[in-house]
């Protein structure tokens, strides 16, 4: 049940970028300039990627599907750590967003890799 809830949470987060890219860009301190390519990127990498990954994991119902979401969230959380080292982003936002990503990564990996490996 927790896998399904966490996957639905992944879908919900992805829907922000998928259907409301301007809002999501604003929340992430991103500003589309010169073209709408930034909005396209939000719909693709912040939105559609997570919407489809969450729905696919639920549809497949396999531990490896849920674990793959964990790997994606691990990459996102590691990107936040790297950003802290090099970019000096707003600490509060990085801790909140990165914390959610790290918690979801930990859940998806710990709960699902043991049944795969």
C-alpha atoms as a PDB file:
ATOM      1  CA  UNK A   1       0.000   0.000   0.000  1.00  0.00           C
ATOM      2  CA  UNK A   2       2.800   2.443   0.806  1.00  0.00           C
ATOM      3  CA  UNK A   3       4.338   1.810  -2.625  1.00  0.00           C
ATOM      4  CA  UNK A   4       1.098   2.816  -4.304  1.00  0.00           C
ATOM      5  CA  UNK A   5       0.701   5.890  -2.094  1.00  0.00           C
ATOM      6  CA  UNK A   6       4.302   6.986  -2.757  1.00  0.00           C
ATOM      7  CA  UNK A   7       3.855   6.385  -6.495  1.00  0.00           C
ATOM      8  CA  UNK A   8       0.659   8.463  -6.469  1.00  0.00           C
ATOM      9  CA  UNK A   9       2.569  11.185  -4.619  1.00  0.00           C
ATOM     10  CA  UNK A  10       5.185  11.008  -7.389  1.00  0.00           C
ATOM     11  CA  UNK A  11       2.420  11.392  -9.980  1.00  0.00           C
ATOM     12  CA  UNK A  12       0.934  14.341  -8.058  1.00  0.00           C
ATOM     13  CA  UNK A  13       4.299  16.130  -7.894  1.00  0.00           C
ATOM     14  CA  UNK A  14       4.829  15.445 -11.583  1.00  0.00           C
ATOM     15  CA  UNK A  15       1.409  16.820 -12.466  1.00  0.00           C
ATOM     16  CA  UNK A  16       2.486  20.251 -11.252  1.00  0.00           C
ATOM     17  CA  UNK A  17       5.243  20.389 -13.854  1.00  0.00           C
ATOM     18  CA  UNK A  18       3.113  18.631 -16.456  1.00  0.00           C
ATOM     19  CA  UNK A  19      -0.024  20.795 -16.341  1.00  0.00           C
ATOM     20  CA  UNK A  20       1.194  23.921 -14.525  1.00  0.00           C
ATOM     21  CA  UNK A  21       4.738  24.534 -15.760  1.00  0.00           C
ATOM     22  CA  UNK A  22       4.630  28.296 -15.116  1.00  0.00           C
ATOM     23  CA  UNK A  23       3.628  27.740 -11.484  1.00  0.00           C
ATOM     24  CA  UNK A  24       6.273  25.037 -11.065  1.00  0.00           C
ATOM     25  CA  UNK A  25       8.954  27.190 -12.683  1.00  0.00           C
ATOM     26  CA  UNK A  26       8.054  30.021 -10.337  1.00  0.00           C
ATOM     27  CA  UNK A  27       8.200  27.744  -7.279  1.00  0.00           C
ATOM     28  CA  UNK A  28      11.651  26.575  -8.398  1.00  0.00           C
ATOM     29  CA  UNK A  29      12.859  30.134  -9.051  1.00  0.00           C
ATOM     30  CA  UNK A  30      13.077  29.454 -12.792  1.00  0.00           C
ATOM     31  CA  UNK A  31      12.095  32.081 -15.313  1.00  0.00           C
ATOM     32  CA  UNK A  32      11.304  31.292 -18.956  1.00  0.00           C
ATOM     33  CA  UNK A  33      13.100  33.869 -21.114  1.00  0.00           C
ATOM     34  CA  UNK A  34      13.231  34.441 -24.840  1.00  0.00           C
ATOM     35  CA  UNK A  35      11.241  31.326 -25.744  1.00  0.00           C
ATOM     36  CA  UNK A  36       8.860  28.802 -24.287  1.00  0.00           C
ATOM     37  CA  UNK A  37      11.432  25.990 -24.396  1.00  0.00           C
ATOM     38  CA  UNK A  38      11.791  26.239 -20.607  1.00  0.00           C
ATOM     39  CA  UNK A  39       8.096  25.449 -20.215  1.00  0.00           C
ATOM     40  CA  UNK A  40       8.524  22.479 -22.532  1.00  0.00           C
ATOM     41  CA  UNK A  41      11.393  21.261 -20.346  1.00  0.00           C
ATOM     42  CA  UNK A  42       9.261  21.637 -17.214  1.00  0.00           C
ATOM     43  CA  UNK A  43       6.455  19.572 -18.763  1.00  0.00           C
ATOM     44  CA  UNK A  44       8.936  16.907 -19.870  1.00  0.00           C
ATOM     45  CA  UNK A  45      11.563  16.455 -17.151  1.00  0.00           C
ATOM     46  CA  UNK A  46       9.782  17.775 -14.064  1.00  0.00           C
ATOM     47  CA  UNK A  47       6.313  16.704 -15.137  1.00  0.00           C
ATOM     48  CA  UNK A  48       5.763  13.911 -17.619  1.00  0.00           C
ATOM     49  CA  UNK A  49       8.774  11.888 -16.502  1.00  0.00           C
ATOM     50  CA  UNK A  50       7.442  11.532 -12.960  1.00  0.00           C
ATOM     51  CA  UNK A  51       3.786  11.178 -13.955  1.00  0.00           C
ATOM     52  CA  UNK A  52       4.539   8.260 -16.268  1.00  0.00           C
ATOM     53  CA  UNK A  53       7.101   6.669 -13.927  1.00  0.00           C
ATOM     54  CA  UNK A  54       4.599   6.651 -11.056  1.00  0.00           C
ATOM     55  CA  UNK A  55       1.746   5.347 -13.178  1.00  0.00           C
ATOM     56  CA  UNK A  56       3.957   2.694 -14.795  1.00  0.00           C
ATOM     57  CA  UNK A  57       5.133   1.413 -11.409  1.00  0.00           C
ATOM     58  CA  UNK A  58       1.534   1.095 -10.233  1.00  0.00           C
ATOM     59  CA  UNK A  59       0.504  -0.582 -13.502  1.00  0.00           C
ATOM     60  CA  UNK A  60       3.420  -3.042 -13.422  1.00  0.00           C
ATOM     61  CA  UNK A  61       3.025  -3.705  -9.716  1.00  0.00           C
ATOM     62  CA  UNK A  62       6.575  -5.043  -9.615  1.00  0.00           C
ATOM     63  CA  UNK A  63       9.182  -4.151  -6.977  1.00  0.00           C
ATOM     64  CA  UNK A  64      11.719  -3.234  -9.659  1.00  0.00           C
ATOM     65  CA  UNK A  65       9.306  -0.648 -11.094  1.00  0.00           C
ATOM     66  CA  UNK A  66       9.028   1.056  -7.711  1.00  0.00           C
ATOM     67  CA  UNK A  67      12.788   0.775  -7.160  1.00  0.00           C
ATOM     68  CA  UNK A  68      13.414   2.609 -10.425  1.00  0.00           C
ATOM     69  CA  UNK A  69      11.434   5.567  -9.090  1.00  0.00           C
ATOM     70  CA  UNK A  70      13.730   5.398  -6.061  1.00  0.00           C
ATOM     71  CA  UNK A  71      16.767   5.638  -8.319  1.00  0.00           C
ATOM     72  CA  UNK A  72      15.259   8.673 -10.069  1.00  0.00           C
ATOM     73  CA  UNK A  73      14.625  10.383  -6.728  1.00  0.00           C
ATOM     74  CA  UNK A  74      18.159   9.480  -5.624  1.00  0.00           C
ATOM     75  CA  UNK A  75      19.520  11.282  -8.671  1.00  0.00           C
ATOM     76  CA  UNK A  76      17.372  14.322  -7.916  1.00  0.00           C
ATOM     77  CA  UNK A  77      18.477  14.417  -4.265  1.00  0.00           C
ATOM     78  CA  UNK A  78      22.137  14.044  -5.241  1.00  0.00           C
ATOM     79  CA  UNK A  79      21.695  16.898  -7.702  1.00  0.00           C
ATOM     80  CA  UNK A  80      20.479  19.045  -4.825  1.00  0.00           C
ATOM     81  CA  UNK A  81      23.550  18.134  -2.745  1.00  0.00           C
ATOM     82  CA  UNK A  82      25.824  19.011  -5.653  1.00  0.00           C
ATOM     83  CA  UNK A  83      23.944  22.282  -6.066  1.00  0.00           C
ATOM     84  CA  UNK A  84      24.534  23.103  -2.400  1.00  0.00           C
ATOM     85  CA  UNK A  85      28.266  22.650  -2.962  1.00  0.00           C
ATOM     86  CA  UNK A  86      28.508  24.714  -6.144  1.00  0.00           C
ATOM     87  CA  UNK A  87      25.489  26.994  -6.629  1.00  0.00           C
ATOM     88  CA  UNK A  88      24.494  28.401  -3.239  1.00  0.00           C
ATOM     89  CA  UNK A  89      20.741  27.926  -3.842  1.00  0.00           C
ATOM     90  CA  UNK A  90      18.140  28.989  -1.271  1.00  0.00           C
ATOM     91  CA  UNK A  91      18.868  26.565   1.577  1.00  0.00           C
ATOM     92  CA  UNK A  92      15.270  26.270   2.786  1.00  0.00           C
ATOM     93  CA  UNK A  93      13.945  25.228  -0.632  1.00  0.00           C
ATOM     94  CA  UNK A  94      16.790  22.790  -1.221  1.00  0.00           C
ATOM     95  CA  UNK A  95      16.272  21.172   2.178  1.00  0.00           C
ATOM     96  CA  UNK A  96      12.513  20.857   1.667  1.00  0.00           C
ATOM     97  CA  UNK A  97      12.581  19.611  -1.937  1.00  0.00           C
ATOM     98  CA  UNK A  98      15.711  17.521  -1.422  1.00  0.00           C
ATOM     99  CA  UNK A  99      14.346  16.105   1.812  1.00  0.00           C
ATOM    100  CA  UNK A 100      11.152  14.929   0.106  1.00  0.00           C
ATOM    101  CA  UNK A 101      13.218  13.411  -2.714  1.00  0.00           C
ATOM    102  CA  UNK A 102      15.567  11.690  -0.259  1.00  0.00           C
ATOM    103  CA  UNK A 103      12.719  10.256   1.825  1.00  0.00           C
ATOM    104  CA  UNK A 104      10.926   8.931  -1.253  1.00  0.00           C
ATOM    105  CA  UNK A 105      14.201   7.530  -2.627  1.00  0.00           C
ATOM    106  CA  UNK A 106      14.922   5.787   0.679  1.00  0.00           C
ATOM    107  CA  UNK A 107      11.440   4.281   0.809  1.00  0.00           C
ATOM    108  CA  UNK A 108      11.308   3.077  -2.779  1.00  0.00           C
ATOM    109  CA  UNK A 109      14.794   1.550  -2.624  1.00  0.00           C
ATOM    110  CA  UNK A 110      14.678   0.004   0.847  1.00  0.00           C
ATOM    111  CA  UNK A 111      11.198  -1.430   0.400  1.00  0.00           C
ATOM    112  CA  UNK A 112      11.699  -2.822  -3.078  1.00  0.00           C
ATOM    113  CA  UNK A 113      15.321  -3.734  -3.770  1.00  0.00           C
ATOM    114  CA  UNK A 114      15.428  -6.541  -1.214  1.00  0.00           C
ATOM    115  CA  UNK A 115      12.832  -8.467  -3.188  1.00  0.00           C
ATOM    116  CA  UNK A 116      14.703  -7.919  -6.458  1.00  0.00           C
ATOM    117  CA  UNK A 117      18.296  -8.636  -5.475  1.00  0.00           C
END
